[in-house]
Amino acid sequence: MDEKLRILLCEDDENLGMLLREYLQAKGYSTELYPDGEAGYKAFLKNKYDICVFDVMMPKKDGFTLAQEVRAANAEIPIIFLTAKTLKDDILEGFKIGADDYITKPFSMEELTFRIEAILRRVRGKKNKESNVYKIGRFVFDTQKQILSIDSKQTKLTTKESELLGLLCAHANEILQRDFALKTIWIDDNYFNARSMDVYITKLRKHLKEDESIEIINIHGKGYKLITPEVEA
């Protein structure tokens, strides 16, 4: 990360909060931890953050109330809820308030960072229109319209095809870690989703076959690599 992104973390479980803060800071995020919603809201008004991670059940001000107040002040900032609750109504309530994601405890630290990275990538894509279009060899890929073009031919990609090709372009000529792609696009890296991703890789290879300078190769035990002489964003 060239510039440290700032996370507002509100978690009343002291041990979990400190663990999360240390882990996120080790991953390159500047992370501020507050033990309740009231303290978190005061910090939010004073400072600039890139994303919020709120526990739902907190003293003084719960996560839902905090999120509503934050949304009133800044409609665009991404919010992730952490909760021990699994009730459908609670999850729906979170999304109605405007949550970008919802993680049920217990969860892995890796899962949280995958979710954060996926959300921030979407936010950056919306803000920077130039990153919505990639030049891949002779192809032009418009991530917003989900259209892959070569010469006068246009192919409308499915959402999954577009998301996967976007990740490959962002990591062009580098290894796209298999687990990272699965967590980012499919949320879960189980066997069935892994098989599904293999199918989509095959589809993308067919879409790109008209330019022989482009290749998607398997890196055994790691993931995939988009080999191309040119990727411009």
Protein backbone atom coordinates (compact mmCIF):
# COMPACT_ATOMS: atom_id res chain seq x y z
CA MET A 1 0.00 0.00 0.00
CA ASP A 2 1.61 3.32 -1.08
CA GLU A 3 -0.39 5.39 1.35
CA LYS A 4 -1.79 4.00 4.59
CA LEU A 5 -5.55 3.71 4.50
CA ARG A 6 -7.30 4.60 7.75
CA ILE A 7 -9.74 2.28 9.49
CA LEU A 8 -12.13 3.29 12.29
CA LEU A 9 -12.57 0.14 14.41
CA CYS A 10 -15.18 0.04 17.18
CA GLU A 11 -15.19 -3.14 19.28
CA ASP A 12 -16.05 -3.42 22.99
CA ASP A 13 -14.28 -6.76 23.48
CA GLU A 14 -10.88 -5.46 24.56
CA ASN A 15 -8.90 -8.56 23.62
CA LEU A 16 -10.53 -8.98 20.21
CA GLY A 17 -10.26 -5.27 19.50
CA MET A 18 -6.54 -5.14 20.23
CA LEU A 19 -5.94 -8.31 18.22
CA LEU A 20 -7.81 -6.89 15.22
CA ARG A 21 -6.00 -3.55 15.46
CA GLU A 22 -2.57 -5.19 15.61
CA TYR A 23 -3.36 -7.50 12.70
CA LEU A 24 -4.74 -4.73 10.48
CA GLN A 25 -1.78 -2.48 11.27
CA ALA A 26 0.56 -5.32 10.37
CA LYS A 27 -1.28 -5.51 7.02
CA GLY A 28 -0.50 -1.84 6.40
CA TYR A 29 -3.69 -0.15 7.57
CA SER A 30 -3.62 2.75 10.02
CA THR A 31 -6.21 1.50 12.54
CA GLU A 32 -7.79 3.39 15.43
CA LEU A 33 -9.68 1.36 18.06
CA TYR A 34 -12.52 2.62 20.24
CA PRO A 35 -14.42 0.58 22.87
CA ASP A 36 -17.93 1.95 22.29
CA GLY A 37 -20.08 3.68 19.71
CA GLU A 38 -20.05 7.05 21.45
CA ALA A 39 -16.25 7.30 21.47
CA GLY A 40 -16.18 5.99 17.90
CA TYR A 41 -18.57 8.68 16.68
CA LYS A 42 -16.56 11.47 18.33
CA ALA A 43 -13.43 10.16 16.60
CA PHE A 44 -15.29 9.95 13.28
CA LEU A 45 -16.26 13.63 13.48
CA LYS A 46 -12.68 14.70 14.19
CA ASN A 47 -10.75 12.52 11.74
CA LYS A 48 -10.85 11.27 8.16
CA TYR A 49 -11.23 7.50 7.60
CA ASP A 50 -11.40 5.28 4.53
CA ILE A 51 -13.56 2.50 6.02
CA CYS A 52 -15.41 1.70 9.26
CA VAL A 53 -15.57 -1.66 11.05
CA PHE A 54 -18.25 -1.68 13.78
CA ASP A 55 -19.26 -4.32 16.29
CA VAL A 56 -23.06 -4.39 16.53
CA MET A 57 -23.44 -4.93 20.29
CA MET A 58 -21.58 -2.09 22.05
CA PRO A 59 -22.22 0.01 25.18
CA LYS A 60 -23.35 3.66 25.09
CA LYS A 61 -24.15 3.47 21.37
CA ASP A 62 -24.69 0.22 19.43
CA GLY A 63 -23.22 -0.40 15.99
CA PHE A 64 -26.49 0.13 14.12
CA THR A 65 -27.07 3.54 15.74
CA LEU A 66 -23.46 4.51 15.16
CA ALA A 67 -23.69 3.51 11.49
CA GLN A 68 -26.84 5.59 11.00
CA GLU A 69 -25.13 8.66 12.44
CA VAL A 70 -21.98 8.07 10.39
CA ARG A 71 -24.07 7.63 7.23
CA ALA A 72 -25.87 10.91 7.96
CA ALA A 73 -22.50 12.68 8.08
CA ASN A 74 -20.88 10.78 5.20
CA ALA A 75 -23.09 8.77 2.86
CA GLU A 76 -20.16 7.27 0.94
CA ILE A 77 -17.86 5.77 3.59
CA PRO A 78 -17.90 1.94 3.57
CA ILE A 79 -19.10 0.15 6.74
CA ILE A 80 -18.56 -3.46 7.81
CA PHE A 81 -20.49 -4.90 10.76
CA LEU A 82 -19.03 -7.50 13.13
CA THR A 83 -21.57 -9.47 15.14
CA ALA A 84 -22.21 -12.63 17.09
CA LYS A 85 -25.80 -12.54 15.88
CA THR A 86 -26.87 -14.79 13.04
CA LEU A 87 -30.57 -13.87 12.94
CA LYS A 88 -31.77 -12.99 9.46
CA ASP A 89 -33.63 -9.92 10.73
CA ASP A 90 -30.46 -8.48 12.26
CA ILE A 91 -28.51 -9.03 9.07
CA LEU A 92 -31.27 -7.38 7.02
CA GLU A 93 -31.33 -4.47 9.46
CA GLY A 94 -27.62 -3.97 8.94
CA PHE A 95 -27.94 -3.88 5.17
CA LYS A 96 -30.97 -1.54 5.35
CA ILE A 97 -28.83 0.92 7.32
CA GLY A 98 -26.32 0.76 4.51
CA ALA A 99 -23.72 -1.82 5.52
CA ASP A 100 -21.30 -2.82 2.78
CA ASP A 101 -20.64 -6.16 4.45
CA TYR A 102 -21.56 -8.20 7.52
CA ILE A 103 -19.24 -10.70 9.21
CA THR A 104 -20.50 -13.14 11.84
CA LYS A 105 -18.23 -14.09 14.75
CA PRO A 106 -16.13 -16.14 14.94
CA PHE A 107 -14.27 -15.18 11.77
CA SER A 108 -10.67 -15.38 10.60
CA MET A 109 -8.47 -12.31 10.44
CA GLU A 110 -7.71 -13.21 6.83
CA GLU A 111 -11.41 -13.15 5.96
CA LEU A 112 -11.79 -9.65 7.40
CA THR A 113 -8.84 -8.31 5.39
CA PHE A 114 -10.20 -9.93 2.20
CA ARG A 115 -13.56 -8.22 2.77
CA ILE A 116 -11.90 -4.86 3.49
CA GLU A 117 -9.70 -5.10 0.39
CA ALA A 118 -12.65 -6.06 -1.82
CA ILE A 119 -14.75 -3.12 -0.61
CA LEU A 120 -11.93 -0.59 -0.92
CA ARG A 121 -11.17 -1.84 -4.43
CA ARG A 122 -14.80 -1.24 -5.44
CA VAL A 123 -14.73 2.23 -3.88
CA ARG A 124 -11.51 3.16 -5.66
CA GLY A 125 -12.96 1.88 -8.93
CA LYS A 126 -15.97 4.17 -8.59
CA LYS A 127 -13.83 7.18 -7.74
CA ASN A 128 -11.21 6.67 -10.42
CA LYS A 129 -12.90 6.24 -13.77
CA GLU A 130 -9.57 5.63 -15.51
CA SER A 131 -9.19 2.34 -13.64
CA ASN A 132 -12.52 1.17 -15.07
CA VAL A 133 -10.93 0.52 -18.47
CA TYR A 134 -7.95 -1.77 -19.10
CA LYS A 135 -5.94 -2.14 -22.30
CA ILE A 136 -4.87 -5.80 -22.54
CA GLY A 137 -2.77 -6.39 -25.63
CA ARG A 138 -5.20 -5.79 -28.52
CA PHE A 139 -8.21 -5.96 -26.19
CA VAL A 140 -9.96 -3.15 -24.34
CA PHE A 141 -11.83 -4.21 -21.20
CA ASP A 142 -14.47 -1.90 -19.71
CA THR A 143 -15.10 -3.16 -16.17
CA GLN A 144 -18.19 -1.03 -15.61
CA LYS A 145 -19.98 -2.02 -18.81
CA GLN A 146 -18.50 -5.54 -18.54
CA ILE A 147 -17.53 -5.40 -22.22
CA LEU A 148 -14.38 -6.94 -23.73
CA SER A 149 -13.56 -5.47 -27.14
CA ILE A 150 -11.10 -6.34 -29.89
CA ASP A 151 -11.15 -4.54 -33.22
CA SER A 152 -14.87 -4.18 -34.02
CA LYS A 153 -15.97 -7.19 -31.94
CA GLN A 154 -17.54 -6.70 -28.50
CA THR A 155 -18.26 -9.45 -25.96
CA LYS A 156 -20.56 -8.82 -23.00
CA LEU A 157 -19.10 -10.64 -19.99
CA THR A 158 -21.08 -12.03 -17.07
CA THR A 159 -20.56 -10.36 -13.68
CA LYS A 160 -18.31 -13.18 -12.44
CA GLU A 161 -16.27 -13.17 -15.66
CA SER A 162 -15.86 -9.40 -15.39
CA GLU A 163 -14.85 -9.50 -11.70
CA LEU A 164 -12.32 -12.26 -12.31
CA LEU A 165 -10.80 -10.60 -15.39
CA GLY A 166 -10.61 -7.33 -13.44
CA LEU A 167 -8.58 -9.04 -10.70
CA LEU A 168 -6.28 -10.64 -13.28
CA CYS A 169 -5.72 -7.25 -14.94
CA ALA A 170 -4.99 -5.61 -11.59
CA HIS A 171 -2.34 -8.31 -11.02
CA ALA A 172 -1.14 -8.59 -14.65
CA ASN A 173 2.12 -10.51 -15.04
CA GLU A 174 1.98 -11.30 -11.31
CA ILE A 175 0.47 -14.26 -9.46
CA LEU A 176 -3.18 -13.81 -8.57
CA GLN A 177 -3.47 -15.91 -5.42
CA ARG A 178 -6.24 -18.48 -5.76
CA ASP A 179 -7.53 -18.02 -2.19
CA PHE A 180 -7.56 -14.25 -2.58
CA ALA A 181 -9.62 -14.42 -5.78
CA LEU A 182 -12.09 -16.86 -4.24
CA LYS A 183 -12.55 -14.79 -1.08
CA THR A 184 -12.88 -11.56 -3.06
CA ILE A 185 -15.40 -12.77 -5.65
CA TRP A 186 -17.07 -15.83 -4.16
CA ILE A 187 -16.57 -14.86 -0.47
CA ASP A 188 -15.93 -18.52 0.43
CA ASP A 189 -12.98 -20.61 -0.83
CA ASN A 190 -14.77 -23.96 -0.58
CA TYR A 191 -14.35 -26.80 -3.09
CA PHE A 192 -17.44 -25.97 -5.14
CA ASN A 193 -16.52 -22.32 -5.54
CA ALA A 194 -12.98 -23.32 -6.50
CA ARG A 195 -14.36 -25.57 -9.24
CA SER A 196 -16.62 -22.73 -10.37
CA MET A 197 -13.63 -20.40 -10.66
CA ASP A 198 -11.79 -22.96 -12.80
CA VAL A 199 -14.76 -22.94 -15.19
CA TYR A 200 -14.66 -19.13 -15.41
CA ILE A 201 -10.90 -19.18 -16.06
CA THR A 202 -11.58 -21.52 -19.01
CA LYS A 203 -14.26 -19.12 -20.31
CA LEU A 204 -11.88 -16.15 -20.06
CA ARG A 205 -9.20 -18.04 -21.98
CA LYS A 206 -11.70 -18.56 -24.81
CA HIS A 207 -12.65 -14.88 -24.81
CA LEU A 208 -8.98 -13.85 -25.02
CA LYS A 209 -7.80 -16.43 -27.57
CA GLU A 210 -7.89 -13.97 -30.50
CA ASP A 211 -4.74 -12.30 -29.18
CA GLU A 212 -1.97 -14.91 -29.04
CA SER A 213 0.24 -12.64 -26.94
CA ILE A 214 -2.19 -13.04 -24.03
CA GLU A 215 -2.31 -16.14 -21.84
CA ILE A 216 -3.77 -17.11 -18.46
CA ILE A 217 -1.52 -19.75 -16.93
CA ASN A 218 -1.94 -21.93 -13.85
CA ILE A 219 0.68 -21.52 -11.13
CA HIS A 220 0.54 -24.86 -9.35
CA GLY A 221 -0.54 -24.59 -5.73
CA LYS A 222 -0.77 -20.80 -5.88
CA GLY A 223 -3.17 -19.42 -8.45
CA TYR A 224 -3.15 -17.85 -11.90
CA LYS A 225 -1.11 -15.36 -13.88
CA LEU A 226 -2.31 -13.17 -16.74
CA ILE A 227 0.63 -13.05 -19.16
CA THR A 228 0.40 -10.02 -21.44
CA PRO A 229 2.83 -7.60 -23.04
CA GLU A 230 0.64 -4.64 -22.17
CA VAL A 231 -1.90 -3.76 -19.51
CA GLU A 232 -2.75 -0.12 -19.08
CA ALA A 233 -5.36 1.28 -16.71
